[in-house]
Amino acid sequence: MKIADIADILGATVLCCEDKADREVNSACGSDMMSDVLAYVKNQAVLLTGLVNPQVIRTAEMMDMRCIVFVRSKAPTADMIALAEESGIVVMTTARRMYEACGMLYNNGLGNKE
């Protein structure tokens, strides 16, 4: 699935790196605990979270994630967006709750491959 498709499915607003929205992603995870992301997530391309602090960007960078979706209309700071731009990570925000957003992406085929 392309990152642009994720934005469409979630009705999300892309905040940075829109030029990279044509990249393909095959999996996602949803978590507000970055320690869990670091400990348990492998080969995830998209992070869905309601946590808004610079650690989210740093964690995504360390895990080679391509996209961060802030749920519940959470908005990252300008510093966070600048950090994401430096790393080439697409950042977007959606009004959807995490449970709903994860379910929508799963139902549309993201990570639903056997």
N, C-alpha and C. Protein backbone atom coordinates (compact mmCIF):
# COMPACT_ATOMS: atom_id res chain seq x y z
N MET A 1 0.84 -1.17 0.00
CA MET A 1 0.00 0.00 0.00
C MET A 1 0.89 1.24 0.00
N LYS A 2 0.51 2.22 -0.75
CA LYS A 2 1.26 3.47 -0.78
C LYS A 2 0.88 4.34 0.42
N ILE A 3 1.83 5.14 0.88
CA ILE A 3 1.57 6.05 2.00
C ILE A 3 0.42 7.00 1.65
N ALA A 4 0.34 7.42 0.40
CA ALA A 4 -0.77 8.29 -0.03
C ALA A 4 -2.11 7.60 0.17
N ASP A 5 -2.16 6.29 -0.03
CA ASP A 5 -3.40 5.53 0.20
C ASP A 5 -3.79 5.56 1.67
N ILE A 6 -2.79 5.48 2.54
CA ILE A 6 -3.06 5.54 3.98
C ILE A 6 -3.72 6.87 4.33
N ALA A 7 -3.17 7.95 3.77
CA ALA A 7 -3.75 9.28 4.02
C ALA A 7 -5.19 9.34 3.54
N ASP A 8 -5.45 8.77 2.37
CA ASP A 8 -6.82 8.76 1.84
C ASP A 8 -7.77 7.95 2.70
N ILE A 9 -7.34 6.76 3.08
CA ILE A 9 -8.19 5.87 3.88
C ILE A 9 -8.54 6.51 5.22
N LEU A 10 -7.56 7.16 5.84
CA LEU A 10 -7.77 7.73 7.17
C LEU A 10 -8.28 9.17 7.13
N GLY A 11 -8.39 9.74 5.94
CA GLY A 11 -8.78 11.15 5.85
C GLY A 11 -7.76 12.03 6.55
N ALA A 12 -6.50 11.65 6.43
CA ALA A 12 -5.41 12.31 7.15
C ALA A 12 -4.84 13.49 6.37
N THR A 13 -4.24 14.40 7.10
CA THR A 13 -3.54 15.54 6.53
C THR A 13 -2.05 15.27 6.61
N VAL A 14 -1.36 15.33 5.49
CA VAL A 14 0.09 15.12 5.46
C VAL A 14 0.76 16.43 5.88
N LEU A 15 1.63 16.35 6.87
CA LEU A 15 2.29 17.53 7.43
C LEU A 15 3.70 17.74 6.90
N CYS A 16 4.34 16.67 6.46
CA CYS A 16 5.68 16.83 5.88
C CYS A 16 6.03 15.63 5.02
N CYS A 17 6.98 15.84 4.14
CA CYS A 17 7.52 14.82 3.24
C CYS A 17 6.45 14.24 2.31
N GLU A 18 5.53 15.06 1.88
CA GLU A 18 4.47 14.61 0.98
C GLU A 18 5.04 14.04 -0.32
N ASP A 19 6.23 14.50 -0.70
CA ASP A 19 6.87 14.00 -1.92
C ASP A 19 7.27 12.53 -1.79
N LYS A 20 7.26 11.99 -0.57
CA LYS A 20 7.61 10.59 -0.35
C LYS A 20 6.36 9.71 -0.16
N ALA A 21 5.19 10.28 -0.39
CA ALA A 21 3.94 9.56 -0.16
C ALA A 21 3.67 8.47 -1.19
N ASP A 22 4.50 8.39 -2.22
CA ASP A 22 4.33 7.32 -3.21
C ASP A 22 5.08 6.06 -2.81
N ARG A 23 5.78 6.08 -1.67
CA ARG A 23 6.50 4.90 -1.20
C ARG A 23 5.53 3.82 -0.76
N GLU A 24 5.91 2.58 -1.02
CA GLU A 24 5.11 1.41 -0.61
C GLU A 24 5.44 1.02 0.83
N VAL A 25 4.41 0.63 1.56
CA VAL A 25 4.58 0.08 2.90
C VAL A 25 3.77 -1.21 3.00
N ASN A 26 4.23 -2.14 3.81
CA ASN A 26 3.59 -3.44 3.92
C ASN A 26 3.06 -3.76 5.31
N SER A 27 3.38 -2.92 6.29
CA SER A 27 2.97 -3.24 7.64
C SER A 27 2.88 -1.97 8.48
N ALA A 28 2.25 -2.11 9.64
CA ALA A 28 2.05 -0.97 10.54
C ALA A 28 1.96 -1.46 11.97
N CYS A 29 2.10 -0.54 12.91
CA CYS A 29 1.86 -0.84 14.31
C CYS A 29 1.24 0.39 14.96
N GLY A 30 0.47 0.15 15.99
CA GLY A 30 -0.15 1.23 16.74
C GLY A 30 0.25 1.13 18.20
N SER A 31 0.87 2.20 18.73
CA SER A 31 1.30 2.18 20.12
C SER A 31 1.60 3.59 20.60
N ASP A 32 1.33 3.83 21.88
CA ASP A 32 1.74 5.08 22.52
C ASP A 32 2.96 4.84 23.40
N MET A 33 3.41 3.61 23.47
CA MET A 33 4.58 3.28 24.29
C MET A 33 5.77 2.99 23.38
N MET A 34 6.68 3.94 23.30
CA MET A 34 7.82 3.78 22.41
C MET A 34 8.73 2.65 22.85
N SER A 35 8.72 2.32 24.14
CA SER A 35 9.52 1.18 24.59
C SER A 35 8.99 -0.11 23.99
N ASP A 36 7.68 -0.23 23.84
CA ASP A 36 7.11 -1.41 23.19
C ASP A 36 7.46 -1.45 21.71
N VAL A 37 7.43 -0.30 21.08
CA VAL A 37 7.80 -0.23 19.66
C VAL A 37 9.23 -0.72 19.49
N LEU A 38 10.12 -0.25 20.34
CA LEU A 38 11.53 -0.66 20.26
C LEU A 38 11.72 -2.14 20.57
N ALA A 39 10.95 -2.66 21.53
CA ALA A 39 11.15 -4.03 21.98
C ALA A 39 10.49 -5.07 21.08
N TYR A 40 9.34 -4.75 20.52
CA TYR A 40 8.55 -5.79 19.86
C TYR A 40 8.33 -5.60 18.37
N VAL A 41 8.53 -4.42 17.88
CA VAL A 41 8.20 -4.14 16.48
C VAL A 41 9.39 -4.45 15.59
N LYS A 42 9.12 -5.20 14.56
CA LYS A 42 10.15 -5.53 13.57
C LYS A 42 9.58 -5.29 12.19
N ASN A 43 10.34 -4.65 11.35
CA ASN A 43 9.96 -4.43 9.95
C ASN A 43 8.62 -3.72 9.79
N GLN A 44 8.35 -2.77 10.65
CA GLN A 44 7.12 -1.99 10.53
C GLN A 44 7.43 -0.71 9.77
N ALA A 45 6.59 -0.36 8.85
CA ALA A 45 6.83 0.82 8.03
C ALA A 45 6.04 2.03 8.49
N VAL A 46 4.92 1.81 9.19
CA VAL A 46 4.05 2.90 9.61
C VAL A 46 3.80 2.78 11.11
N LEU A 47 3.93 3.91 11.81
CA LEU A 47 3.65 3.97 13.24
C LEU A 47 2.43 4.84 13.45
N LEU A 48 1.41 4.30 14.11
CA LEU A 48 0.24 5.07 14.50
C LEU A 48 0.33 5.32 15.99
N THR A 49 0.20 6.57 16.42
CA THR A 49 0.36 6.90 17.82
C THR A 49 -0.39 8.17 18.17
N GLY A 50 -0.71 8.29 19.45
CA GLY A 50 -1.30 9.52 19.97
C GLY A 50 -0.31 10.27 20.83
N LEU A 51 0.89 9.74 20.95
CA LEU A 51 1.94 10.37 21.74
C LEU A 51 2.62 11.45 20.91
N VAL A 52 2.69 12.65 21.45
CA VAL A 52 3.28 13.76 20.71
C VAL A 52 4.50 14.27 21.48
N ASN A 53 5.66 13.72 21.15
CA ASN A 53 6.92 14.24 21.66
C ASN A 53 8.04 13.81 20.72
N PRO A 54 9.20 14.43 20.82
CA PRO A 54 10.29 14.13 19.87
C PRO A 54 10.74 12.67 19.88
N GLN A 55 10.51 11.95 21.00
CA GLN A 55 10.91 10.54 21.05
C GLN A 55 10.20 9.70 20.00
N VAL A 56 9.01 10.10 19.61
CA VAL A 56 8.27 9.37 18.58
C VAL A 56 9.06 9.42 17.27
N ILE A 57 9.55 10.59 16.92
CA ILE A 57 10.32 10.74 15.68
C ILE A 57 11.62 9.97 15.79
N ARG A 58 12.30 10.07 16.92
CA ARG A 58 13.56 9.35 17.12
C ARG A 58 13.36 7.84 17.05
N THR A 59 12.29 7.35 17.65
CA THR A 59 11.99 5.92 17.63
C THR A 59 11.73 5.46 16.20
N ALA A 60 10.92 6.21 15.49
CA ALA A 60 10.62 5.86 14.09
C ALA A 60 11.89 5.86 13.25
N GLU A 61 12.75 6.80 13.51
CA GLU A 61 14.03 6.88 12.79
C GLU A 61 14.89 5.65 13.08
N MET A 62 14.98 5.26 14.34
CA MET A 62 15.78 4.10 14.73
C MET A 62 15.23 2.80 14.15
N MET A 63 13.91 2.74 13.97
CA MET A 63 13.27 1.52 13.48
C MET A 63 13.08 1.55 11.96
N ASP A 64 13.65 2.53 11.30
CA ASP A 64 13.56 2.68 9.84
C ASP A 64 12.11 2.74 9.35
N MET A 65 11.27 3.41 10.10
CA MET A 65 9.88 3.57 9.69
C MET A 65 9.78 4.67 8.64
N ARG A 66 8.82 4.53 7.76
CA ARG A 66 8.66 5.48 6.67
C ARG A 66 7.60 6.53 6.94
N CYS A 67 6.72 6.26 7.91
CA CYS A 67 5.56 7.14 8.10
C CYS A 67 5.09 7.08 9.55
N ILE A 68 4.68 8.24 10.07
CA ILE A 68 4.05 8.33 11.38
C ILE A 68 2.68 8.96 11.19
N VAL A 69 1.68 8.33 11.77
CA VAL A 69 0.32 8.88 11.74
C VAL A 69 -0.07 9.22 13.18
N PHE A 70 -0.28 10.50 13.44
CA PHE A 70 -0.76 10.92 14.76
C PHE A 70 -2.28 10.84 14.74
N VAL A 71 -2.82 10.08 15.69
CA VAL A 71 -4.27 9.86 15.75
C VAL A 71 -4.92 10.86 16.71
N ARG A 72 -6.24 10.85 16.74
CA ARG A 72 -7.04 11.72 17.63
C ARG A 72 -6.71 13.20 17.43
N SER A 73 -6.43 13.57 16.18
CA SER A 73 -6.14 14.97 15.81
C SER A 73 -4.95 15.55 16.56
N LYS A 74 -4.06 14.70 17.03
CA LYS A 74 -2.85 15.18 17.69
C LYS A 74 -1.96 15.85 16.65
N ALA A 75 -1.30 16.92 17.05
CA ALA A 75 -0.46 17.67 16.12
C ALA A 75 0.96 17.77 16.66
N PRO A 76 1.94 17.32 15.89
CA PRO A 76 3.32 17.44 16.31
C PRO A 76 3.78 18.89 16.27
N THR A 77 4.80 19.19 17.04
CA THR A 77 5.35 20.54 17.06
C THR A 77 6.16 20.80 15.79
N ALA A 78 6.47 22.05 15.55
CA ALA A 78 7.30 22.42 14.39
C ALA A 78 8.67 21.75 14.48
N ASP A 79 9.22 21.64 15.68
CA ASP A 79 10.52 20.97 15.86
C ASP A 79 10.44 19.50 15.49
N MET A 80 9.34 18.86 15.84
CA MET A 80 9.16 17.45 15.50
C MET A 80 9.04 17.27 13.99
N ILE A 81 8.31 18.16 13.35
CA ILE A 81 8.16 18.08 11.90
C ILE A 81 9.51 18.29 11.21
N ALA A 82 10.29 19.23 11.72
CA ALA A 82 11.62 19.47 11.14
C ALA A 82 12.51 18.24 11.30
N LEU A 83 12.43 17.58 12.44
CA LEU A 83 13.21 16.37 12.68
C LEU A 83 12.78 15.25 11.74
N ALA A 84 11.50 15.12 11.52
CA ALA A 84 10.98 14.11 10.59
C ALA A 84 11.43 14.41 9.17
N GLU A 85 11.40 15.67 8.78
CA GLU A 85 11.85 16.05 7.44
C GLU A 85 13.31 15.68 7.22
N GLU A 86 14.14 15.92 8.24
CA GLU A 86 15.56 15.56 8.15
C GLU A 86 15.74 14.07 7.90
N SER A 87 14.85 13.28 8.47
CA SER A 87 14.94 11.81 8.36
C SER A 87 14.14 11.27 7.18
N GLY A 88 13.40 12.11 6.50
CA GLY A 88 12.60 11.66 5.36
C GLY A 88 11.39 10.83 5.76
N ILE A 89 10.86 11.09 6.95
CA ILE A 89 9.70 10.36 7.45
C ILE A 89 8.44 11.18 7.17
N VAL A 90 7.48 10.56 6.49
CA VAL A 90 6.21 11.22 6.23
C VAL A 90 5.44 11.31 7.55
N VAL A 91 4.92 12.49 7.85
CA VAL A 91 4.14 12.69 9.07
C VAL A 91 2.75 13.17 8.67
N MET A 92 1.74 12.56 9.29
CA MET A 92 0.37 12.99 9.04
C MET A 92 -0.45 12.92 10.32
N THR A 93 -1.60 13.56 10.29
CA THR A 93 -2.50 13.53 11.43
C THR A 93 -3.92 13.20 10.95
N THR A 94 -4.64 12.47 11.79
CA THR A 94 -6.02 12.09 11.48
C THR A 94 -6.88 12.26 12.73
N ALA A 95 -8.14 12.52 12.51
CA ALA A 95 -9.07 12.64 13.63
C ALA A 95 -9.48 11.27 14.16
N ARG A 96 -9.19 10.22 13.44
CA ARG A 96 -9.58 8.86 13.85
C ARG A 96 -8.86 8.46 15.14
N ARG A 97 -9.53 7.62 15.93
CA ARG A 97 -8.89 7.03 17.11
C ARG A 97 -7.95 5.92 16.64
N MET A 98 -7.00 5.54 17.47
CA MET A 98 -6.02 4.54 17.06
C MET A 98 -6.68 3.22 16.69
N TYR A 99 -7.60 2.75 17.50
CA TYR A 99 -8.26 1.47 17.23
C TYR A 99 -8.94 1.49 15.87
N GLU A 100 -9.66 2.56 15.62
CA GLU A 100 -10.38 2.70 14.36
C GLU A 100 -9.40 2.80 13.18
N ALA A 101 -8.35 3.60 13.33
CA ALA A 101 -7.38 3.79 12.25
C ALA A 101 -6.67 2.47 11.92
N CYS A 102 -6.25 1.75 12.94
CA CYS A 102 -5.58 0.46 12.70
C CYS A 102 -6.53 -0.50 11.99
N GLY A 103 -7.77 -0.55 12.44
CA GLY A 103 -8.75 -1.44 11.83
C GLY A 103 -9.02 -1.08 10.37
N MET A 104 -9.12 0.19 10.08
CA MET A 104 -9.36 0.63 8.70
C MET A 104 -8.21 0.22 7.79
N LEU A 105 -6.98 0.41 8.27
CA LEU A 105 -5.82 0.04 7.45
C LEU A 105 -5.76 -1.47 7.25
N TYR A 106 -6.02 -2.22 8.31
CA TYR A 106 -6.02 -3.67 8.21
C TYR A 106 -7.09 -4.15 7.22
N ASN A 107 -8.28 -3.61 7.35
CA ASN A 107 -9.38 -4.01 6.46
C ASN A 107 -9.12 -3.64 5.01
N ASN A 108 -8.27 -2.67 4.78
CA ASN A 108 -7.92 -2.28 3.41
C ASN A 108 -6.67 -2.99 2.92
N GLY A 109 -6.18 -3.97 3.67
CA GLY A 109 -5.10 -4.82 3.19
C GLY A 109 -3.72 -4.56 3.75
N LEU A 110 -3.53 -3.54 4.58
CA LEU A 110 -2.20 -3.28 5.12
C LEU A 110 -1.88 -4.30 6.20
N GLY A 111 -0.87 -5.10 5.98
CA GLY A 111 -0.47 -6.12 6.93
C GLY A 111 -1.41 -7.31 6.95
N ASN A 112 -2.28 -7.40 5.99
CA ASN A 112 -3.28 -8.46 5.94
C ASN A 112 -2.93 -9.44 4.82
N LYS A 113 -1.65 -9.76 4.72
CA LYS A 113 -1.17 -10.67 3.69
C LYS A 113 -0.78 -11.99 4.33
N GLU A 114 -1.08 -13.07 3.68
CA GLU A 114 -0.71 -14.39 4.22
C GLU A 114 0.46 -14.97 3.47
